[in-house]
Amino acid sequence: TGTEGAVFGHSVETPHIRAEPSQDLKLESPTRSLVMEAPRGVQVS
């Protein structure tokens, strides 16, 4: 519930990420790169 979201120091593994209804989902890395990897593909919809 924090206004700054969640901060992870290293990798994150999860089968599902979603925002609350009527809220935007934002994945951001302000100073480095953002990498999404999966052996069978990554789907963003």
All heavy atoms as atom14 arrays in JSON, in Angstrom:
{
  "sequence": "TGTEGAVFGHSVETPHIRAEPSQDLKLESPTRSLVMEAPRGVQVS",
  "atom14_mask": [
    [1, 1, 1, 1, 1, 1, 1, 0, 0, 0, 0, 0, 0, 0],
    [1, 1, 1, 1, 0, 0, 0, 0, 0, 0, 0, 0, 0, 0],
    [1, 1, 1, 1, 1, 1, 1, 0, 0, 0, 0, 0, 0, 0],
    [1, 1, 1, 1, 1, 1, 1, 1, 1, 0, 0, 0, 0, 0],
    [1, 1, 1, 1, 0, 0, 0, 0, 0, 0, 0, 0, 0, 0],
    [1, 1, 1, 1, 1, 0, 0, 0, 0, 0, 0, 0, 0, 0],
    [1, 1, 1, 1, 1, 1, 1, 0, 0, 0, 0, 0, 0, 0],
    [1, 1, 1, 1, 1, 1, 1, 1, 1, 1, 1, 0, 0, 0],
    [1, 1, 1, 1, 0, 0, 0, 0, 0, 0, 0, 0, 0, 0],
    [1, 1, 1, 1, 1, 1, 1, 1, 1, 1, 0, 0, 0, 0],
    [1, 1, 1, 1, 1, 1, 0, 0, 0, 0, 0, 0, 0, 0],
    [1, 1, 1, 1, 1, 1, 1, 0, 0, 0, 0, 0, 0, 0],
    [1, 1, 1, 1, 1, 1, 1, 1, 1, 0, 0, 0, 0, 0],
    [1, 1, 1, 1, 1, 1, 1, 0, 0, 0, 0, 0, 0, 0],
    [1, 1, 1, 1, 1, 1, 1, 0, 0, 0, 0, 0, 0, 0],
    [1, 1, 1, 1, 1, 1, 1, 1, 1, 1, 0, 0, 0, 0],
    [1, 1, 1, 1, 1, 1, 1, 1, 0, 0, 0, 0, 0, 0],
    [1, 1, 1, 1, 1, 1, 1, 1, 1, 1, 1, 0, 0, 0],
    [1, 1, 1, 1, 1, 0, 0, 0, 0, 0, 0, 0, 0, 0],
    [1, 1, 1, 1, 1, 1, 1, 1, 1, 0, 0, 0, 0, 0],
    [1, 1, 1, 1, 1, 1, 1, 0, 0, 0, 0, 0, 0, 0],
    [1, 1, 1, 1, 1, 1, 0, 0, 0, 0, 0, 0, 0, 0],
    [1, 1, 1, 1, 1, 1, 1, 1, 1, 0, 0, 0, 0, 0],
    [1, 1, 1, 1, 1, 1, 1, 1, 0, 0, 0, 0, 0, 0],
    [1, 1, 1, 1, 1, 1, 1, 1, 0, 0, 0, 0, 0, 0],
    [1, 1, 1, 1, 1, 1, 1, 1, 1, 0, 0, 0, 0, 0],
    [1, 1, 1, 1, 1, 1, 1, 1, 0, 0, 0, 0, 0, 0],
    [1, 1, 1, 1, 1, 1, 1, 1, 1, 0, 0, 0, 0, 0],
    [1, 1, 1, 1, 1, 1, 0, 0, 0, 0, 0, 0, 0, 0],
    [1, 1, 1, 1, 1, 1, 1, 0, 0, 0, 0, 0, 0, 0],
    [1, 1, 1, 1, 1, 1, 1, 0, 0, 0, 0, 0, 0, 0],
    [1, 1, 1, 1, 1, 1, 1, 1, 1, 1, 1, 0, 0, 0],
    [1, 1, 1, 1, 1, 1, 0, 0, 0, 0, 0, 0, 0, 0],
    [1, 1, 1, 1, 1, 1, 1, 1, 0, 0, 0, 0, 0, 0],
    [1, 1, 1, 1, 1, 1, 1, 0, 0, 0, 0, 0, 0, 0],
    [1, 1, 1, 1, 1, 1, 1, 1, 0, 0, 0, 0, 0, 0],
    [1, 1, 1, 1, 1, 1, 1, 1, 1, 0, 0, 0, 0, 0],
    [1, 1, 1, 1, 1, 0, 0, 0, 0, 0, 0, 0, 0, 0],
    [1, 1, 1, 1, 1, 1, 1, 0, 0, 0, 0, 0, 0, 0],
    [1, 1, 1, 1, 1, 1, 1, 1, 1, 1, 1, 0, 0, 0],
    [1, 1, 1, 1, 0, 0, 0, 0, 0, 0, 0, 0, 0, 0],
    [1, 1, 1, 1, 1, 1, 1, 0, 0, 0, 0, 0, 0, 0],
    [1, 1, 1, 1, 1, 1, 1, 1, 1, 0, 0, 0, 0, 0],
    [1, 1, 1, 1, 1, 1, 1, 0, 0, 0, 0, 0, 0, 0],
    [1, 1, 1, 1, 1, 1, 0, 0, 0, 0, 0, 0, 0, 0]
  ],
  "atom14_positions": [
    [[0.8, -1.22, 0.0], [0.0, 0.0, 0.0], [0.84, 1.27, 0.0], [0.28, 2.35, -0.02], [-0.94, 0.03, 1.22], [-0.15, -0.03, 2.41], [-1.92, -1.12, 1.17], [0.0, 0.0, 0.0], [0.0, 0.0, 0.0], [0.0, 0.0, 0.0], [0.0, 0.0, 0.0], [0.0, 0.0, 0.0], [0.0, 0.0, 0.0], [0.0, 0.0, 0.0]],
    [[2.15, 1.17, 0.03], [2.98, 2.36, 0.04], [2.89, 3.14, -1.26], [2.7, 2.57, -2.33], [0.0, 0.0, 0.0], [0.0, 0.0, 0.0], [0.0, 0.0, 0.0], [0.0, 0.0, 0.0], [0.0, 0.0, 0.0], [0.0, 0.0, 0.0], [0.0, 0.0, 0.0], [0.0, 0.0, 0.0], [0.0, 0.0, 0.0], [0.0, 0.0, 0.0]],
    [[3.03, 4.45, -1.18], [2.92, 5.28, -2.38], [4.08, 5.05, -3.34], [3.96, 5.28, -4.53], [2.88, 6.77, -1.99], [4.05, 7.08, -1.22], [1.64, 7.08, -1.19], [0.0, 0.0, 0.0], [0.0, 0.0, 0.0], [0.0, 0.0, 0.0], [0.0, 0.0, 0.0], [0.0, 0.0, 0.0], [0.0, 0.0, 0.0], [0.0, 0.0, 0.0]],
    [[5.2, 4.58, -2.84], [6.36, 4.32, -3.7], [6.36, 2.91, -4.26], [7.29, 2.52, -4.96], [7.65, 4.56, -2.91], [7.85, 6.0, -2.47], [8.05, 6.94, -3.64], [8.79, 6.57, -4.58], [7.45, 8.02, -3.64], [0.0, 0.0, 0.0], [0.0, 0.0, 0.0], [0.0, 0.0, 0.0], [0.0, 0.0, 0.0], [0.0, 0.0, 0.0]],
    [[5.36, 2.09, -3.93], [5.3, 0.73, -4.45], [6.23, -0.19, -3.68], [6.53, 0.03, -2.52], [0.0, 0.0, 0.0], [0.0, 0.0, 0.0], [0.0, 0.0, 0.0], [0.0, 0.0, 0.0], [0.0, 0.0, 0.0], [0.0, 0.0, 0.0], [0.0, 0.0, 0.0], [0.0, 0.0, 0.0], [0.0, 0.0, 0.0], [0.0, 0.0, 0.0]],
    [[6.69, -1.24, -4.36], [7.59, -2.21, -3.74], [8.96, -2.08, -4.38], [9.07, -1.93, -5.6], [7.05, -3.63, -3.94], [0.0, 0.0, 0.0], [0.0, 0.0, 0.0], [0.0, 0.0, 0.0], [0.0, 0.0, 0.0], [0.0, 0.0, 0.0], [0.0, 0.0, 0.0], [0.0, 0.0, 0.0], [0.0, 0.0, 0.0], [0.0, 0.0, 0.0]],
    [[10.0, -2.18, -3.58], [11.37, -2.09, -4.06], [12.05, -3.42, -3.79], [12.03, -3.92, -2.67], [12.14, -0.94, -3.35], [13.58, -0.9, -3.81], [11.45, 0.39, -3.6], [0.0, 0.0, 0.0], [0.0, 0.0, 0.0], [0.0, 0.0, 0.0], [0.0, 0.0, 0.0], [0.0, 0.0, 0.0], [0.0, 0.0, 0.0], [0.0, 0.0, 0.0]],
    [[12.64, -4.01, -4.83], [13.33, -5.29, -4.72], [14.8, -5.07, -5.03], [15.13, -4.5, -6.06], [12.73, -6.32, -5.67], [11.27, -6.59, -5.42], [10.29, -5.94, -6.14], [10.89, -7.48, -4.44], [8.95, -6.17, -5.89], [9.55, -7.72, -4.18], [8.58, -7.07, -4.91], [0.0, 0.0, 0.0], [0.0, 0.0, 0.0], [0.0, 0.0, 0.0]],
    [[15.67, -5.55, -4.15], [17.1, -5.38, -4.35], [17.68, -6.34, -5.37], [18.72, -6.06, -5.97], [0.0, 0.0, 0.0], [0.0, 0.0, 0.0], [0.0, 0.0, 0.0], [0.0, 0.0, 0.0], [0.0, 0.0, 0.0], [0.0, 0.0, 0.0], [0.0, 0.0, 0.0], [0.0, 0.0, 0.0], [0.0, 0.0, 0.0], [0.0, 0.0, 0.0]],
    [[17.02, -7.46, -5.58], [17.52, -8.46, -6.53], [16.36, -8.97, -7.36], [15.37, -8.29, -7.52], [18.24, -9.59, -5.77], [19.44, -9.1, -5.02], [20.61, -8.76, -5.63], [19.63, -8.85, -3.7], [21.49, -8.35, -4.73], [20.9, -8.39, -3.54], [0.0, 0.0, 0.0], [0.0, 0.0, 0.0], [0.0, 0.0, 0.0], [0.0, 0.0, 0.0]],
    [[16.43, -10.17, -7.84], [15.42, -10.68, -8.77], [14.11, -10.99, -8.06], [14.07, -11.21, -6.86], [15.95, -11.93, -9.48], [16.13, -12.96, -8.54], [0.0, 0.0, 0.0], [0.0, 0.0, 0.0], [0.0, 0.0, 0.0], [0.0, 0.0, 0.0], [0.0, 0.0, 0.0], [0.0, 0.0, 0.0], [0.0, 0.0, 0.0], [0.0, 0.0, 0.0]],
    [[13.04, -11.01, -8.86], [11.71, -11.34, -8.39], [11.16, -12.42, -9.3], [11.24, -12.31, -10.52], [10.78, -10.11, -8.44], [9.38, -10.48, -8.02], [11.32, -9.0, -7.57], [0.0, 0.0, 0.0], [0.0, 0.0, 0.0], [0.0, 0.0, 0.0], [0.0, 0.0, 0.0], [0.0, 0.0, 0.0], [0.0, 0.0, 0.0], [0.0, 0.0, 0.0]],
    [[10.62, -13.48, -8.71], [9.97, -14.54, -9.47], [8.51, -14.6, -9.05], [8.21, -14.73, -7.87], [10.63, -15.89, -9.2], [12.05, -15.98, -9.69], [12.65, -17.36, -9.44], [11.89, -18.36, -9.49], [13.85, -17.41, -9.18], [0.0, 0.0, 0.0], [0.0, 0.0, 0.0], [0.0, 0.0, 0.0], [0.0, 0.0, 0.0], [0.0, 0.0, 0.0]],
    [[7.62, -14.5, -10.03], [6.2, -14.57, -9.73], [5.44, -15.01, -10.98], [5.82, -14.66, -12.09], [5.65, -13.22, -9.23], [4.26, -13.35, -8.96], [5.86, -12.11, -10.23], [0.0, 0.0, 0.0], [0.0, 0.0, 0.0], [0.0, 0.0, 0.0], [0.0, 0.0, 0.0], [0.0, 0.0, 0.0], [0.0, 0.0, 0.0], [0.0, 0.0, 0.0]],
    [[4.37, -15.77, -10.8], [3.58, -16.15, -11.97], [2.57, -15.09, -12.39], [1.98, -15.18, -13.44], [2.86, -17.42, -11.5], [2.74, -17.26, -10.04], [3.97, -16.5, -9.6], [0.0, 0.0, 0.0], [0.0, 0.0, 0.0], [0.0, 0.0, 0.0], [0.0, 0.0, 0.0], [0.0, 0.0, 0.0], [0.0, 0.0, 0.0], [0.0, 0.0, 0.0]],
    [[2.37, -14.05, -11.55], [1.31, -13.1, -11.86], [1.59, -11.75, -11.19], [1.87, -11.69, -10.0], [-0.02, -13.67, -11.33], [-1.22, -12.9, -11.77], [-2.09, -13.37, -12.71], [-1.7, -11.71, -11.39], [-3.05, -12.49, -12.89], [-2.83, -11.47, -12.09], [0.0, 0.0, 0.0], [0.0, 0.0, 0.0], [0.0, 0.0, 0.0], [0.0, 0.0, 0.0]],
    [[1.5, -10.68, -11.96], [1.57, -9.31, -11.42], [0.4, -8.55, -12.01], [0.2, -8.57, -13.22], [2.89, -8.6, -11.81], [4.09, -9.31, -11.22], [2.87, -7.15, -11.33], [5.41, -8.71, -11.66], [0.0, 0.0, 0.0], [0.0, 0.0, 0.0], [0.0, 0.0, 0.0], [0.0, 0.0, 0.0], [0.0, 0.0, 0.0], [0.0, 0.0, 0.0]],
    [[-0.38, -7.88, -11.15], [-1.47, -7.06, -11.67], [-1.71, -5.9, -10.71], [-1.37, -5.96, -9.53], [-2.73, -7.87, -11.88], [-3.48, -8.23, -10.64], [-4.79, -8.95, -10.98], [-5.35, -9.54, -9.8], [-6.24, -8.92, -9.03], [-6.69, -7.74, -9.34], [-6.7, -9.51, -7.95], [0.0, 0.0, 0.0], [0.0, 0.0, 0.0], [0.0, 0.0, 0.0]],
    [[-2.29, -4.85, -11.26], [-2.64, -3.69, -10.45], [-4.06, -3.85, -9.93], [-4.83, -4.69, -10.42], [-2.54, -2.42, -11.3], [0.0, 0.0, 0.0], [0.0, 0.0, 0.0], [0.0, 0.0, 0.0], [0.0, 0.0, 0.0], [0.0, 0.0, 0.0], [0.0, 0.0, 0.0], [0.0, 0.0, 0.0], [0.0, 0.0, 0.0], [0.0, 0.0, 0.0]],
    [[-4.42, -3.05, -8.96], [-5.79, -3.02, -8.45], [-6.72, -2.56, -9.57], [-6.29, -1.85, -10.48], [-5.89, -2.05, -7.27], [-5.26, -2.55, -6.0], [-6.06, -3.68, -5.37], [-7.29, -3.61, -5.34], [-5.43, -4.65, -4.92], [0.0, 0.0, 0.0], [0.0, 0.0, 0.0], [0.0, 0.0, 0.0], [0.0, 0.0, 0.0], [0.0, 0.0, 0.0]],
    [[-7.99, -2.91, -9.51], [-8.93, -2.43, -10.53], [-8.9, -0.91, -10.61], [-8.83, -0.23, -9.61], [-10.29, -2.93, -10.03], [-9.96, -4.1, -9.18], [-8.63, -3.79, -8.55], [0.0, 0.0, 0.0], [0.0, 0.0, 0.0], [0.0, 0.0, 0.0], [0.0, 0.0, 0.0], [0.0, 0.0, 0.0], [0.0, 0.0, 0.0], [0.0, 0.0, 0.0]],
    [[-8.94, -0.41, -11.83], [-8.9, 1.03, -12.17], [-7.59, 1.71, -11.76], [-7.52, 2.92, -11.65], [-10.09, 1.78, -11.55], [-9.92, 1.96, -10.15], [0.0, 0.0, 0.0], [0.0, 0.0, 0.0], [0.0, 0.0, 0.0], [0.0, 0.0, 0.0], [0.0, 0.0, 0.0], [0.0, 0.0, 0.0], [0.0, 0.0, 0.0], [0.0, 0.0, 0.0]],
    [[-6.54, 0.93, -11.54], [-5.21, 1.5, -11.26], [-4.24, 1.08, -12.36], [-4.38, 0.0, -12.94], [-4.69, 0.99, -9.9], [-5.5, 1.41, -8.71], [-5.39, 2.89, -8.43], [-4.34, 3.48, -8.56], [-6.51, 3.49, -8.05], [0.0, 0.0, 0.0], [0.0, 0.0, 0.0], [0.0, 0.0, 0.0], [0.0, 0.0, 0.0], [0.0, 0.0, 0.0]],
    [[-3.25, 1.92, -12.63], [-2.23, 1.59, -13.63], [-1.18, 0.69, -13.01], [-0.85, 0.81, -11.82], [-1.54, 2.86, -14.14], [-2.47, 3.74, -14.96], [-3.45, 3.2, -15.5], [-2.2, 4.94, -15.05], [0.0, 0.0, 0.0], [0.0, 0.0, 0.0], [0.0, 0.0, 0.0], [0.0, 0.0, 0.0], [0.0, 0.0, 0.0], [0.0, 0.0, 0.0]],
    [[-0.63, -0.22, -13.82], [0.5, -1.05, -13.39], [1.74, -0.48, -14.06], [1.78, -0.29, -15.27], [0.3, -2.51, -13.82], [1.48, -3.44, -13.52], [1.69, -3.56, -12.01], [1.24, -4.81, -14.12], [0.0, 0.0, 0.0], [0.0, 0.0, 0.0], [0.0, 0.0, 0.0], [0.0, 0.0, 0.0], [0.0, 0.0, 0.0], [0.0, 0.0, 0.0]],
    [[2.76, -0.21, -13.25], [3.97, 0.4, -13.77], [5.17, -0.4, -13.26], [5.34, -0.54, -12.05], [4.05, 1.85, -13.3], [5.2, 2.63, -13.86], [5.1, 4.08, -13.41], [6.14, 4.92, -14.05], [6.07, 6.33, -13.6], [0.0, 0.0, 0.0], [0.0, 0.0, 0.0], [0.0, 0.0, 0.0], [0.0, 0.0, 0.0], [0.0, 0.0, 0.0]],
    [[5.94, -0.95, -14.17], [7.2, -1.61, -13.83], [8.3, -0.65, -14.23], [8.39, -0.25, -15.39], [7.34, -2.95, -14.57], [6.26, -3.98, -14.31], [6.5, -5.21, -15.17], [6.23, -4.37, -12.86], [0.0, 0.0, 0.0], [0.0, 0.0, 0.0], [0.0, 0.0, 0.0], [0.0, 0.0, 0.0], [0.0, 0.0, 0.0], [0.0, 0.0, 0.0]],
    [[9.16, -0.3, -13.29], [10.12, 0.76, -13.54], [11.46, 0.44, -12.9], [11.52, -0.09, -11.79], [9.56, 2.07, -12.96], [10.43, 3.26, -13.14], [9.8, 4.51, -12.54], [9.3, 4.44, -11.4], [9.83, 5.55, -13.21], [0.0, 0.0, 0.0], [0.0, 0.0, 0.0], [0.0, 0.0, 0.0], [0.0, 0.0, 0.0], [0.0, 0.0, 0.0]],
    [[12.51, 0.77, -13.61], [13.86, 0.72, -13.07], [14.51, 2.07, -13.37], [15.02, 2.28, -14.47], [14.65, -0.42, -13.7], [15.96, -0.44, -13.17], [0.0, 0.0, 0.0], [0.0, 0.0, 0.0], [0.0, 0.0, 0.0], [0.0, 0.0, 0.0], [0.0, 0.0, 0.0], [0.0, 0.0, 0.0], [0.0, 0.0, 0.0], [0.0, 0.0, 0.0]],
    [[14.46, 3.02, -12.44], [14.87, 4.39, -12.74], [16.35, 4.56, -13.12], [16.68, 5.44, -13.89], [14.58, 5.16, -11.46], [13.76, 4.28, -10.62], [13.95, 2.89, -11.09], [0.0, 0.0, 0.0], [0.0, 0.0, 0.0], [0.0, 0.0, 0.0], [0.0, 0.0, 0.0], [0.0, 0.0, 0.0], [0.0, 0.0, 0.0], [0.0, 0.0, 0.0]],
    [[17.23, 3.7, -12.6], [18.66, 3.91, -12.87], [19.33, 2.76, -13.58], [20.48, 2.88, -13.98], [19.42, 4.16, -11.55], [19.26, 3.02, -10.7], [18.9, 5.41, -10.86], [0.0, 0.0, 0.0], [0.0, 0.0, 0.0], [0.0, 0.0, 0.0], [0.0, 0.0, 0.0], [0.0, 0.0, 0.0], [0.0, 0.0, 0.0], [0.0, 0.0, 0.0]],
    [[18.65, 1.64, -13.75], [19.24, 0.47, -14.41], [18.28, -0.08, -15.45], [17.29, 0.57, -15.79], [19.56, -0.62, -13.36], [20.47, -0.17, -12.23], [21.88, 0.0, -12.7], [22.4, -1.26, -13.15], [23.55, -1.77, -12.82], [24.32, -1.12, -12.02], [23.95, -2.92, -13.3], [0.0, 0.0, 0.0], [0.0, 0.0, 0.0], [0.0, 0.0, 0.0]],
    [[18.51, -1.29, -15.91], [17.64, -1.87, -16.92], [16.56, -2.73, -16.27], [16.71, -3.17, -15.13], [18.45, -2.71, -17.91], [19.11, -3.75, -17.22], [0.0, 0.0, 0.0], [0.0, 0.0, 0.0], [0.0, 0.0, 0.0], [0.0, 0.0, 0.0], [0.0, 0.0, 0.0], [0.0, 0.0, 0.0], [0.0, 0.0, 0.0], [0.0, 0.0, 0.0]],
    [[15.5, -2.97, -17.0], [14.41, -3.83, -16.56], [14.39, -5.04, -17.48], [14.27, -4.89, -18.69], [13.07, -3.09, -16.61], [11.82, -3.88, -16.23], [11.9, -4.31, -14.78], [10.58, -3.07, -16.48], [0.0, 0.0, 0.0], [0.0, 0.0, 0.0], [0.0, 0.0, 0.0], [0.0, 0.0, 0.0], [0.0, 0.0, 0.0], [0.0, 0.0, 0.0]],
    [[14.54, -6.23, -16.92], [14.62, -7.45, -17.72], [13.5, -8.38, -17.28], [13.32, -8.63, -16.09], [15.99, -8.15, -17.52], [16.04, -9.44, -18.3], [17.12, -7.22, -17.93], [0.0, 0.0, 0.0], [0.0, 0.0, 0.0], [0.0, 0.0, 0.0], [0.0, 0.0, 0.0], [0.0, 0.0, 0.0], [0.0, 0.0, 0.0], [0.0, 0.0, 0.0]],
    [[12.74, -8.9, -18.26], [11.73, -9.92, -17.99], [12.12, -11.13, -18.83], [12.27, -11.02, -20.05], [10.34, -9.43, -18.38], [9.83, -8.34, -17.46], [8.1, -7.9, -17.78], [8.24, -7.02, -19.31], [0.0, 0.0, 0.0], [0.0, 0.0, 0.0], [0.0, 0.0, 0.0], [0.0, 0.0, 0.0], [0.0, 0.0, 0.0], [0.0, 0.0, 0.0]],
    [[12.29, -12.28, -18.18], [12.73, -13.48, -18.87], [11.83, -14.65, -18.48], [11.39, -14.74, -17.34], [14.16, -13.85, -18.48], [15.21, -12.87, -18.91], [16.58, -13.33, -18.48], [16.97, -13.04, -17.35], [17.25, -14.01, -19.3], [0.0, 0.0, 0.0], [0.0, 0.0, 0.0], [0.0, 0.0, 0.0], [0.0, 0.0, 0.0], [0.0, 0.0, 0.0]],
    [[11.61, -15.55, -19.44], [10.9, -16.79, -19.18], [11.29, -17.78, -20.27], [11.43, -17.39, -21.43], [9.4, -16.58, -19.17], [0.0, 0.0, 0.0], [0.0, 0.0, 0.0], [0.0, 0.0, 0.0], [0.0, 0.0, 0.0], [0.0, 0.0, 0.0], [0.0, 0.0, 0.0], [0.0, 0.0, 0.0], [0.0, 0.0, 0.0], [0.0, 0.0, 0.0]],
    [[11.49, -19.04, -19.94], [11.91, -20.01, -20.94], [10.85, -20.26, -22.02], [11.19, -20.62, -23.14], [12.19, -21.27, -20.14], [11.48, -21.11, -18.86], [11.39, -19.64, -18.6], [0.0, 0.0, 0.0], [0.0, 0.0, 0.0], [0.0, 0.0, 0.0], [0.0, 0.0, 0.0], [0.0, 0.0, 0.0], [0.0, 0.0, 0.0], [0.0, 0.0, 0.0]],
    [[9.58, -20.03, -21.69], [8.52, -20.26, -22.67], [7.86, -18.96, -23.11], [6.76, -18.97, -23.64], [7.48, -21.22, -22.1], [8.06, -22.61, -21.92], [7.12, -23.63, -21.39], [5.71, -23.29, -21.47], [4.76, -24.0, -20.93], [5.06, -25.08, -20.25], [3.51, -23.63, -21.02], [0.0, 0.0, 0.0], [0.0, 0.0, 0.0], [0.0, 0.0, 0.0]],
    [[8.48, -17.83, -22.89], [7.96, -16.56, -23.38], [7.42, -15.67, -22.29], [7.09, -16.11, -21.2], [0.0, 0.0, 0.0], [0.0, 0.0, 0.0], [0.0, 0.0, 0.0], [0.0, 0.0, 0.0], [0.0, 0.0, 0.0], [0.0, 0.0, 0.0], [0.0, 0.0, 0.0], [0.0, 0.0, 0.0], [0.0, 0.0, 0.0], [0.0, 0.0, 0.0]],
    [[7.35, -14.39, -22.61], [6.8, -13.37, -21.72], [5.61, -12.75, -22.44], [5.72, -12.36, -23.59], [7.84, -12.29, -21.38], [7.22, -11.17, -20.56], [9.03, -12.88, -20.66], [0.0, 0.0, 0.0], [0.0, 0.0, 0.0], [0.0, 0.0, 0.0], [0.0, 0.0, 0.0], [0.0, 0.0, 0.0], [0.0, 0.0, 0.0], [0.0, 0.0, 0.0]],
    [[4.48, -12.68, -21.75], [3.29, -12.07, -22.34], [2.93, -10.84, -21.52], [2.78, -10.91, -20.31], [2.13, -13.04, -22.34], [0.87, -12.44, -22.91], [-0.3, -13.41, -22.9], [-0.13, -14.59, -22.67], [-1.48, -12.9, -23.14], [0.0, 0.0, 0.0], [0.0, 0.0, 0.0], [0.0, 0.0, 0.0], [0.0, 0.0, 0.0], [0.0, 0.0, 0.0]],
    [[2.8, -9.71, -22.21], [2.34, -8.47, -21.58], [1.09, -8.08, -22.34], [1.12, -7.92, -23.56], [3.41, -7.37, -21.67], [2.91, -6.09, -21.04], [4.71, -7.82, -21.03], [0.0, 0.0, 0.0], [0.0, 0.0, 0.0], [0.0, 0.0, 0.0], [0.0, 0.0, 0.0], [0.0, 0.0, 0.0], [0.0, 0.0, 0.0], [0.0, 0.0, 0.0]],
    [[-0.03, -7.93, -21.63], [-1.27, -7.6, -22.32], [-2.03, -6.55, -21.54], [-1.93, -6.45, -20.32], [-2.13, -8.85, -22.52], [-2.52, -9.36, -21.27], [0.0, 0.0, 0.0], [0.0, 0.0, 0.0], [0.0, 0.0, 0.0], [0.0, 0.0, 0.0], [0.0, 0.0, 0.0], [0.0, 0.0, 0.0], [0.0, 0.0, 0.0], [0.0, 0.0, 0.0]]
  ]
}
